[in-house]
Amino acid sequence: MIVVAYDSGDALTRCLDSLAGEDVVVVNNGGRGPEIADAEARARVIGAGNVGFGAGCNLGARETAADVLVFVNPDTVVQPGAVAALARALEQPDVAIVQARLRLLHDPERLNSSGNVVHVSGLAWPGGYGDPADALSEPREIAYASGAAFAIRRDVFRELGGFTEELFLYQEDLELGWRAHLRGLRAHRLAPGVAAGEGPRLGLARAEPRLARKPPAGDAGAPPGGRPRPRPLPHAGARPADARAALGHRSAQRPRFRVVARRPRLPLTLPSSA
């Protein structure tokens, strides 16, 4: 069991309570709160210094020799028998990843995710969010497994190279599932309810609106006559020139694109399970 925590407080303690009797590795990406002192009494705690979710998962995977790696978020509650059920589901050789049926913690009769969905545009979201949990009666193939609660065979995780660490937070589970599909492997959602999560994780970003202001002299956003033009506030990290280009104005700079995986993927180095 691998749990990546970041100042998770009582949620981490609650998660570890539900994992009593399991071999658990906690990767601490945050500070040393009281929940970490509690975790050290019943799990192996690795201080990571906030390396991100994907890198934290990879670090945790290196600390265990288990044949099946089970990842859960610190804000989940794992039901009795869930870990064994996830491991049994991986006995099918062409099934690479198995996601638990995720139910909402505050409303366990409804789903957090029945298996994550990928749109043709690349946007992704938790499938079945808010649907009745009992509607899921049989395992089925899904686009990709939510990183909130899933299991993967150790050898598959190693051959896939683990999580892409350049993705600091979010979409790393989508990218891992995509690489598994490209190898002809499948991801399944396990029908029995095995975990409850706090809420959905959305792979979307939204710019906040901004009120119109009078632009300075020579501003490229001012139309003839000097009347200011309303503009959205660009998201964090965006350049104002790019924001103007999005509104139809010419930018003095060419847009730059960052290639996430620039190096060949190599098998993840993990300790022997022997």
Foldseek 3Di string as FASTA:
>chain_A
DEEEDAPNPVLLVQQVVLVPPDAYEYEYCYDDDPSNVVVVVGYHYHDDVQLFDQVSLLVRQQVDLDQKDKYAYSNKHFHPPQVVVQVVVPPPPQAFKEAEFAAAPVGRQAGQAQAKAADPVGWIWGPRGGPGLLVQDAKDFHQFYDNNIMMGGSVLCQALQTFQSLCRYPPSRNVSSVSSVVVSGTYMYHNDHTMYGNHIDTPDDDFAFDAWDQDPPPDQQADPPRDTDGFTDDDPPDDVQVRVVVVVTHGPDDDDDDDRDPDDRHGRDHDHSD
